[in-house]
Amino acid sequence: MSRKQSNLKKIKSLCYLTLGGSLSYQIIYFKKDFNGYYDSVLQPLSQRLNPEWAHKIGVSALKYGIFPTENFEDPKVLNTKFLKYQLSNPIGIAAGFDKHGDAITGLRNIGFSIVEIGSITPEPQPGNPKPRVFRLPEDSAVINRYGFNSEGHKEVYDKIRNIDKALLQNGLLGVNLGKNKNSNDAVQDYSLGIKKFQNIADYFVINISSPNTPGLRSLQNKNELQELLAGVNKTLNSLEGAKRPPLLLKLAPDLTLEEMKDIVSVITKKETKVDGLIISNTTIERPSLINQEFSSETGGLSGKPLTNKSTDIIRTMYKLTKGSIPIIGVGGVFTGQDAYEKILAGASVVQIYTALIYHGPPVVTKIKSELAQLLLKDGYNDVSSAVGKGVK
């Protein structure tokens, strides 16, 4: 072997050794200090990717168990009652993250007590043209106009039909239902979803508040809502067997007080009742955003600009319903304080989404830990004891 070949071989060996050492270091760092590794490596890397691609990669990582299981035992002070269920903590993942039911177990494993999938439409549909997701990091916000991109009832059902509920460890699986863009029969679309997923869902969500499907939000109008809920309740009451999954309604944060009063007048009647509310969806308003590059993009705004707005709507609806209808609070929850304020305003449980996009799995434990400290500091024994205590 010539000296030139020998040197080339040594260089190759050195490269392989360097690469191997680097990879070994990354793996050791990942396993030993996942939170630190996520903050210093994965989070900055994810923010450089196209937002929709980053979303898909995140779902896949959870699906295949790449992110480690949460190493945090929920303290008793985080216990809460929601609907007919007892939960070890009040933190859930909002619909829109796992749209197609790919990562249910993975999401439960990183600490969520509620995993809500969807929105799922009866027939597959691609959603709106790309690009349709935009990060506004200066505002800790996201604008999306996905438009109910969905694999459809059959595809999602076949995927999750045999899921072992024991793997959810007393966590809840919510199924968020949407209507197809070209459908003229909302009652049929939502009823089809209820019939399809009745044996899987721990609760259903009727999503009539996404701003990205033309005409959808009009279903929040009193007469249309009355017709829709009458039809959906008829379907629920016709289900065979004893199981009737609770029905929740997801509302927009852009409602006027009169519109909220109209909604309450409908959902408190027996024939058009709901068992819970989710407050709120994304907003079409653009309140003094710092980011000017994407602030004018159409779609729903989520994240910190929605924090106070959604909390105010929760408080108002809690007052209007006299606390008789359980509420899931969602919108701009990044810290334990954010979650606590929604609980004091009337939410029994809280969901996050945008915080997970910006801060990844470690944010779940962070929020729970901070919330537990706040509850203990104020003398509460559990979350349920604090619900609505800030409403006057």
Protein backbone atom coordinates (compact mmCIF):
# COMPACT_ATOMS: atom_id res chain seq x y z
CA MET A 1 0.00 0.00 0.00
CA SER A 2 1.37 3.39 -0.99
CA ARG A 3 1.89 6.16 1.54
CA LYS A 4 -0.93 8.14 -0.14
CA GLN A 5 -3.39 5.27 0.25
CA SER A 6 -2.28 4.72 3.84
CA ASN A 7 -2.86 8.37 4.71
CA LEU A 8 -6.28 8.31 3.02
CA LYS A 9 -7.24 5.26 5.06
CA LYS A 10 -6.16 6.99 8.27
CA ILE A 11 -8.22 10.07 7.37
CA LYS A 12 -11.27 7.88 6.72
CA SER A 13 -10.80 6.08 10.02
CA LEU A 14 -10.47 9.40 11.82
CA CYS A 15 -13.68 10.66 10.17
CA TYR A 16 -15.59 7.53 11.18
CA LEU A 17 -14.22 7.77 14.72
CA THR A 18 -15.19 11.44 14.97
CA LEU A 19 -18.67 10.78 13.59
CA GLY A 20 -19.17 7.79 15.86
CA GLY A 21 -17.99 9.73 18.88
CA SER A 22 -20.24 12.65 18.03
CA LEU A 23 -23.28 10.40 17.61
CA SER A 24 -22.49 8.56 20.84
CA TYR A 25 -22.24 11.86 22.69
CA GLN A 26 -25.61 13.00 21.26
CA ILE A 27 -27.30 9.74 22.31
CA ILE A 28 -25.82 9.88 25.82
CA TYR A 29 -26.80 13.55 26.20
CA PHE A 30 -30.32 12.78 24.86
CA LYS A 31 -30.86 9.95 27.34
CA LYS A 32 -29.17 11.52 30.35
CA ASP A 33 -30.72 15.00 30.14
CA PHE A 34 -33.58 15.00 27.65
CA ASN A 35 -34.95 18.37 28.78
CA GLY A 36 -31.58 20.06 28.39
CA TYR A 37 -30.98 18.31 25.06
CA TYR A 38 -34.37 19.39 23.76
CA ASP A 39 -33.86 23.02 24.78
CA SER A 40 -30.31 23.31 23.41
CA VAL A 41 -30.48 21.07 20.32
CA LEU A 42 -33.90 19.84 19.20
CA GLN A 43 -35.89 22.99 19.85
CA PRO A 44 -33.60 25.33 17.85
CA LEU A 45 -33.40 22.73 15.08
CA SER A 46 -37.18 22.31 14.88
CA GLN A 47 -37.65 26.08 14.57
CA ARG A 48 -35.47 26.08 11.45
CA LEU A 49 -37.71 23.57 9.70
CA ASN A 50 -40.82 24.33 7.69
CA PRO A 51 -43.60 24.55 10.33
CA GLU A 52 -45.75 21.84 8.80
CA TRP A 53 -42.78 19.51 8.36
CA ALA A 54 -41.73 20.15 11.96
CA HIS A 55 -45.28 19.31 13.04
CA LYS A 56 -45.21 16.00 11.14
CA ILE A 57 -41.79 15.06 12.52
CA GLY A 58 -42.97 15.83 16.07
CA VAL A 59 -46.03 13.60 15.68
CA SER A 60 -43.87 10.81 14.22
CA ALA A 61 -41.36 11.08 17.08
CA LEU A 62 -44.19 10.64 19.57
CA LYS A 63 -45.75 7.83 17.52
CA TYR A 64 -42.57 5.76 17.51
CA GLY A 65 -41.61 6.48 21.12
CA ILE A 66 -38.48 8.49 20.31
CA PHE A 67 -39.23 10.97 23.10
CA PRO A 68 -38.80 9.40 26.55
CA THR A 69 -41.70 8.72 28.90
CA GLU A 70 -42.26 11.51 31.41
CA ASN A 71 -40.31 11.03 34.63
CA PHE A 72 -42.77 12.84 36.88
CA GLU A 73 -45.40 11.46 39.22
CA ASP A 74 -48.50 13.63 39.33
CA PRO A 75 -48.96 14.90 42.89
CA LYS A 76 -52.41 14.50 44.48
CA VAL A 77 -52.99 18.24 44.33
CA LEU A 78 -53.29 17.93 40.52
CA ASN A 79 -56.22 15.50 40.77
CA THR A 80 -59.36 16.76 39.09
CA LYS A 81 -62.82 15.56 38.20
CA PHE A 82 -63.95 16.17 34.64
CA LEU A 83 -67.33 15.00 33.37
CA LYS A 84 -67.67 11.51 34.89
CA TYR A 85 -63.92 10.89 35.03
CA GLN A 86 -61.24 11.26 37.71
CA LEU A 87 -57.90 12.42 36.29
CA SER A 88 -54.43 12.53 37.84
CA ASN A 89 -53.74 15.92 36.28
CA PRO A 90 -55.72 18.57 34.37
CA ILE A 91 -53.42 19.01 31.35
CA GLY A 92 -54.46 17.79 27.90
CA ILE A 93 -53.32 18.17 24.30
CA ALA A 94 -55.74 20.12 22.15
CA ALA A 95 -57.15 18.87 18.87
CA GLY A 96 -55.15 19.90 15.84
CA PHE A 97 -51.84 18.45 16.98
CA ASP A 98 -52.59 14.76 16.42
CA LYS A 99 -55.13 15.19 13.65
CA HIS A 100 -55.20 11.58 12.50
CA GLY A 101 -54.76 9.60 15.73
CA ASP A 102 -51.14 8.65 15.08
CA ALA A 103 -49.55 9.42 18.45
CA ILE A 104 -52.18 8.79 21.14
CA THR A 105 -50.05 6.59 23.39
CA GLY A 106 -46.95 8.73 22.88
CA LEU A 107 -48.81 11.86 23.96
CA ARG A 108 -50.15 10.12 27.07
CA ASN A 109 -46.61 8.96 27.88
CA ILE A 110 -45.20 12.49 27.96
CA GLY A 111 -47.70 13.49 30.65
CA PHE A 112 -51.03 14.50 29.13
CA SER A 113 -54.10 13.16 30.94
CA ILE A 114 -56.32 13.96 27.95
CA VAL A 115 -55.45 13.28 24.33
CA GLU A 116 -57.88 14.83 21.88
CA ILE A 117 -57.48 13.82 18.24
CA GLY A 118 -58.91 15.47 15.11
CA SER A 119 -60.69 17.26 13.76
CA ILE A 120 -61.80 14.24 11.74
CA THR A 121 -64.15 14.63 8.78
CA PRO A 122 -66.37 11.87 7.31
CA GLU A 123 -64.55 11.76 3.99
CA PRO A 124 -60.83 12.36 3.44
CA GLN A 125 -59.95 15.89 2.40
CA PRO A 126 -56.62 17.64 1.83
CA GLY A 127 -57.40 20.90 3.58
CA ASN A 128 -56.25 24.27 2.29
CA PRO A 129 -53.31 24.85 -0.08
CA LYS A 130 -49.80 25.13 1.37
CA PRO A 131 -48.17 27.06 2.95
CA ARG A 132 -50.82 27.09 5.66
CA VAL A 133 -48.90 27.29 8.94
CA PHE A 134 -46.82 30.27 10.06
CA ARG A 135 -44.73 30.81 13.19
CA LEU A 136 -44.66 34.19 14.90
CA PRO A 137 -41.86 33.54 17.44
CA GLU A 138 -41.67 37.13 18.67
CA ASP A 139 -45.30 36.75 19.77
CA SER A 140 -45.06 33.10 20.88
CA ALA A 141 -47.87 32.51 18.41
CA VAL A 142 -48.86 30.51 15.36
CA ILE A 143 -51.26 31.24 12.52
CA ASN A 144 -52.72 28.22 10.78
CA ARG A 145 -55.26 27.69 8.05
CA TYR A 146 -55.10 23.92 7.73
CA GLY A 147 -58.78 23.73 6.86
CA PHE A 148 -59.67 20.35 8.41
CA ASN A 149 -57.10 18.30 6.51
CA SER A 150 -58.23 14.81 7.45
CA GLU A 151 -57.70 11.18 6.53
CA GLY A 152 -61.43 10.62 7.06
CA HIS A 153 -63.45 8.51 9.47
CA LYS A 154 -62.60 5.09 8.06
CA GLU A 155 -58.82 5.57 7.91
CA VAL A 156 -58.58 6.98 11.43
CA TYR A 157 -60.99 4.42 12.86
CA ASP A 158 -59.05 1.51 11.36
CA LYS A 159 -55.90 2.97 12.89
CA ILE A 160 -57.18 3.35 16.45
CA ARG A 161 -59.97 0.76 16.71
CA ASN A 162 -57.77 -1.73 18.58
CA ILE A 163 -55.96 0.73 20.81
CA ASP A 164 -55.45 -0.72 24.28
CA LYS A 165 -57.09 1.77 26.64
CA ALA A 166 -54.97 0.31 29.45
CA LEU A 167 -51.97 1.98 27.80
CA LEU A 168 -53.62 5.34 28.45
CA GLN A 169 -53.44 4.65 32.21
CA ASN A 170 -56.79 6.25 33.04
CA GLY A 171 -56.21 9.06 30.57
CA LEU A 172 -59.01 10.16 28.27
CA LEU A 173 -59.31 9.91 24.50
CA GLY A 174 -61.39 12.69 22.99
CA VAL A 175 -62.53 12.59 19.37
CA ASN A 176 -62.97 16.00 17.77
CA LEU A 177 -65.35 15.91 14.80
CA GLY A 178 -65.49 18.27 11.82
CA LYS A 179 -67.62 18.58 8.71
CA ASN A 180 -66.41 18.21 5.15
CA LYS A 181 -65.82 21.47 3.34
CA ASN A 182 -68.30 20.70 0.56
CA SER A 183 -70.94 19.14 2.79
CA ASN A 184 -74.36 20.78 3.03
CA ASP A 185 -75.56 18.61 5.90
CA ALA A 186 -73.70 19.36 9.13
CA VAL A 187 -76.02 17.20 11.26
CA GLN A 188 -75.25 14.17 9.10
CA ASP A 189 -71.48 14.79 9.12
CA TYR A 190 -71.25 15.05 12.91
CA SER A 191 -73.71 12.19 13.44
CA LEU A 192 -71.67 9.91 11.20
CA GLY A 193 -68.63 10.59 13.38
CA ILE A 194 -70.53 9.76 16.56
CA LYS A 195 -71.75 6.47 15.13
CA LYS A 196 -68.28 5.58 13.86
CA PHE A 197 -66.29 6.31 17.03
CA GLN A 198 -68.90 5.62 19.74
CA ASN A 199 -67.04 2.61 21.12
CA ILE A 200 -63.65 4.35 21.19
CA ALA A 201 -64.26 7.94 22.29
CA ASP A 202 -64.36 8.90 25.96
CA TYR A 203 -65.98 12.11 24.78
CA PHE A 204 -66.93 13.80 21.50
CA VAL A 205 -66.29 17.38 20.42
CA ILE A 206 -68.45 19.18 17.90
CA ASN A 207 -66.07 21.66 16.31
CA ILE A 208 -68.05 24.53 14.81
CA SER A 209 -65.54 27.26 15.57
CA SER A 210 -62.59 26.75 13.24
CA PRO A 211 -62.15 29.90 11.14
CA ASN A 212 -60.64 27.91 8.25
CA THR A 213 -63.75 26.17 6.87
CA PRO A 214 -66.14 28.55 5.05
CA GLY A 215 -69.46 28.97 6.85
CA LEU A 216 -68.54 26.75 9.81
CA ARG A 217 -68.71 29.45 12.46
CA SER A 218 -72.25 30.35 11.38
CA LEU A 219 -73.30 27.11 13.09
CA GLN A 220 -72.74 28.99 16.38
CA ASN A 221 -75.75 31.18 15.53
CA LYS A 222 -78.73 30.39 17.74
CA ASN A 223 -81.11 28.83 15.19
CA GLU A 224 -78.44 26.83 13.36
CA LEU A 225 -76.92 25.65 16.64
CA GLN A 226 -80.32 24.56 17.90
CA GLU A 227 -80.95 22.50 14.77
CA LEU A 228 -77.46 20.98 14.85
CA LEU A 229 -77.51 19.98 18.52
CA ALA A 230 -81.04 18.60 18.30
CA GLY A 231 -79.92 16.30 15.49
CA VAL A 232 -76.68 15.28 17.20
CA ASN A 233 -78.44 14.57 20.51
CA LYS A 234 -80.98 12.45 18.66
CA THR A 235 -78.10 10.40 17.25
CA LEU A 236 -76.46 10.06 20.68
CA ASN A 237 -79.71 8.97 22.29
CA SER A 238 -80.21 6.32 19.62
CA LEU A 239 -76.89 4.60 20.28
CA GLU A 240 -77.20 0.93 21.18
CA GLY A 241 -75.83 -0.18 24.52
CA ALA A 242 -75.39 1.74 27.74
CA LYS A 243 -72.47 3.89 26.63
CA ARG A 244 -73.31 7.43 25.63
CA PRO A 245 -70.06 9.38 25.35
CA PRO A 246 -70.33 12.96 26.68
CA LEU A 247 -70.80 15.66 24.06
CA LEU A 248 -68.68 18.84 24.11
CA LEU A 249 -69.00 21.97 22.01
CA LYS A 250 -65.91 23.95 20.94
CA LEU A 251 -66.46 27.69 20.72
CA ALA A 252 -64.67 30.61 19.07
CA PRO A 253 -63.05 33.35 21.18
CA ASP A 254 -64.53 36.05 18.95
CA LEU A 255 -68.13 35.79 20.21
CA THR A 256 -70.04 38.80 21.51
CA LEU A 257 -71.79 38.70 24.87
CA GLU A 258 -75.17 38.42 23.16
CA GLU A 259 -73.94 35.50 21.06
CA MET A 260 -72.68 33.77 24.20
CA LYS A 261 -76.06 34.27 25.87
CA ASP A 262 -77.79 32.77 22.83
CA ILE A 263 -75.49 29.75 22.96
CA VAL A 264 -76.22 29.22 26.66
CA SER A 265 -79.96 29.40 26.02
CA VAL A 266 -79.56 26.53 23.54
CA ILE A 267 -77.11 24.25 25.34
CA THR A 268 -79.04 24.30 28.62
CA LYS A 269 -82.20 22.80 27.04
CA LYS A 270 -82.64 19.04 27.36
CA GLU A 271 -83.09 18.35 23.64
CA THR A 272 -80.10 20.48 22.60
CA LYS A 273 -77.83 20.01 25.62
CA VAL A 274 -74.08 19.55 25.75
CA ASP A 275 -72.11 17.95 28.55
CA GLY A 276 -69.18 20.33 28.33
CA LEU A 277 -67.58 23.25 26.52
CA ILE A 278 -64.13 23.81 25.06
CA ILE A 279 -63.10 27.45 25.20
CA SER A 280 -61.63 28.43 22.92
CA ASN A 281 -60.57 27.85 19.35
CA THR A 282 -58.17 30.16 17.50
CA THR A 283 -58.99 33.81 16.89
CA ILE A 284 -59.31 35.75 13.63
CA GLU A 285 -58.27 38.96 15.40
CA ARG A 286 -54.67 40.25 15.22
CA PRO A 287 -54.05 42.08 18.52
CA SER A 288 -50.91 44.25 18.26
CA LEU A 289 -48.60 41.55 16.94
CA ILE A 290 -44.86 42.21 16.89
CA ASN A 291 -44.20 39.93 13.91
CA GLN A 292 -45.13 41.80 10.74
CA GLU A 293 -43.97 39.18 8.25
CA PHE A 294 -46.90 36.82 8.82
CA SER A 295 -49.35 38.83 10.92
CA SER A 296 -51.55 39.54 7.90
CA GLU A 297 -51.84 35.88 6.89
CA THR A 298 -55.41 34.60 7.01
CA GLY A 299 -56.24 31.82 9.45
CA GLY A 300 -56.60 31.25 13.16
CA LEU A 301 -54.14 32.78 15.60
CA SER A 302 -53.10 30.71 18.62
CA GLY A 303 -50.56 31.17 21.39
CA LYS A 304 -49.85 33.95 23.88
CA PRO A 305 -51.94 36.65 22.15
CA LEU A 306 -54.95 34.45 22.93
CA THR A 307 -54.16 33.85 26.62
CA ASN A 308 -56.23 36.59 28.25
CA LYS A 309 -58.96 36.59 25.61
CA SER A 310 -59.76 32.90 26.07
CA THR A 311 -59.62 33.22 29.86
CA ASP A 312 -62.14 36.07 29.73
CA ILE A 313 -64.52 33.97 27.61
CA ILE A 314 -64.14 31.04 30.05
CA ARG A 315 -65.04 33.33 32.95
CA THR A 316 -68.06 34.76 31.13
CA MET A 317 -69.42 31.36 30.10
CA TYR A 318 -68.85 29.98 33.60
CA LYS A 319 -70.95 32.86 34.95
CA LEU A 320 -73.67 32.50 32.32
CA THR A 321 -74.00 28.76 32.95
CA LYS A 322 -73.66 29.20 36.73
CA GLY A 323 -70.86 26.65 36.64
CA SER A 324 -73.26 23.90 35.59
CA ILE A 325 -71.40 22.90 32.41
CA PRO A 326 -67.78 21.67 32.72
CA ILE A 327 -65.23 23.63 30.69
CA ILE A 328 -61.95 22.72 29.02
CA GLY A 329 -59.85 25.86 28.90
CA VAL A 330 -57.49 26.30 25.96
CA GLY A 331 -55.65 29.20 24.41
CA GLY A 332 -52.20 30.55 25.17
CA VAL A 333 -51.28 28.24 28.05
CA PHE A 334 -47.47 28.26 28.39
CA THR A 335 -46.98 28.20 32.16
CA GLY A 336 -48.54 26.85 35.33
CA GLN A 337 -49.78 30.39 36.02
CA ASP A 338 -51.61 30.45 32.67
CA ALA A 339 -53.28 27.14 33.49
CA TYR A 340 -54.12 28.27 37.03
CA GLU A 341 -55.82 31.44 35.82
CA LYS A 342 -58.05 29.42 33.49
CA ILE A 343 -58.95 27.04 36.33
CA LEU A 344 -59.81 29.95 38.63
CA ALA A 345 -61.93 31.37 35.77
CA GLY A 346 -63.96 28.15 35.59
CA ALA A 347 -62.03 25.51 33.62
CA SER A 348 -61.94 22.00 35.09
CA VAL A 349 -59.11 20.97 32.78
CA VAL A 350 -56.77 22.81 30.43
CA GLN A 351 -55.35 21.98 27.00
CA ILE A 352 -52.20 23.20 25.29
CA TYR A 353 -50.98 23.25 21.69
CA THR A 354 -48.77 26.18 20.70
CA ALA A 355 -46.62 25.78 23.84
CA LEU A 356 -45.79 22.25 22.69
CA ILE A 357 -44.74 23.59 19.28
CA TYR A 358 -42.31 26.08 20.81
CA HIS A 359 -41.08 24.18 23.87
CA GLY A 360 -41.66 20.49 23.14
CA PRO A 361 -42.45 17.65 25.59
CA PRO A 362 -40.60 19.20 28.59
CA VAL A 363 -43.25 21.94 28.78
CA VAL A 364 -45.89 19.43 29.96
CA THR A 365 -44.04 18.59 33.16
CA LYS A 366 -43.07 22.24 33.63
CA ILE A 367 -46.70 23.39 33.53
CA LYS A 368 -47.85 20.63 35.88
CA SER A 369 -45.07 21.28 38.38
CA GLU A 370 -45.71 25.04 38.43
CA LEU A 371 -49.47 24.52 38.72
CA ALA A 372 -49.05 22.15 41.66
CA GLN A 373 -46.96 24.74 43.53
CA LEU A 374 -49.57 27.45 42.94
CA LEU A 375 -52.42 25.25 44.17
CA LEU A 376 -50.54 24.27 47.31
CA LYS A 377 -49.51 27.85 47.98
CA ASP A 378 -53.17 28.94 47.95
CA GLY A 379 -54.26 26.04 50.16
CA TYR A 380 -56.16 23.91 47.65
CA ASN A 381 -56.20 20.12 48.05
CA ASP A 382 -56.90 19.44 44.37
CA VAL A 383 -57.73 21.16 41.10
CA SER A 384 -61.48 20.65 41.46
CA SER A 385 -61.46 22.76 44.65
CA ALA A 386 -60.04 25.73 42.70
CA VAL A 387 -62.38 25.64 39.70
CA GLY A 388 -64.21 28.95 39.33
CA LYS A 389 -62.86 30.41 42.58
CA GLY A 390 -61.68 33.52 40.76
CA VAL A 391 -65.15 34.33 39.37
CA LYS A 392 -67.02 37.10 41.12
